[in-house]
């Protein structure tokens, strides 16, 4: 549908509020909204995952990972430098959402990051 059609149909307020929301939303919140754990799913056991990155030095990427871990209730330990290593432990669904955010929302250049190992954690 064209912008002129929306404006003529009285949707101008909707467009304005949508534009204000996009302007006020942080980029990491917008990108992370695509990777959410399923709602209402009962938490399964804990899972541990190791991820290898070619290099982790960006303060912005590190702070995003910290925010996402807190948001999802995942414990994460990041070793910065070259190579960078991430150890993350949490319930299966939130951990998957965290890893998707860390591996897909941040740009890692021509060398992709990859999960080195993952396993269930015995209680």
Foldseek 3Di string as FASTA:
>chain_A
DDPVVCVVVPVPVVVVVVVVVVVPDDLLVVLLVVQAFDPPDDFDAKKKWKKKAQFDDDPVLVVSLVVLCVVLVKDWDWDGGGTIMIIIMDTDRSVVSSCCSSQPVDDRPPDGMDIPDMDGDDD
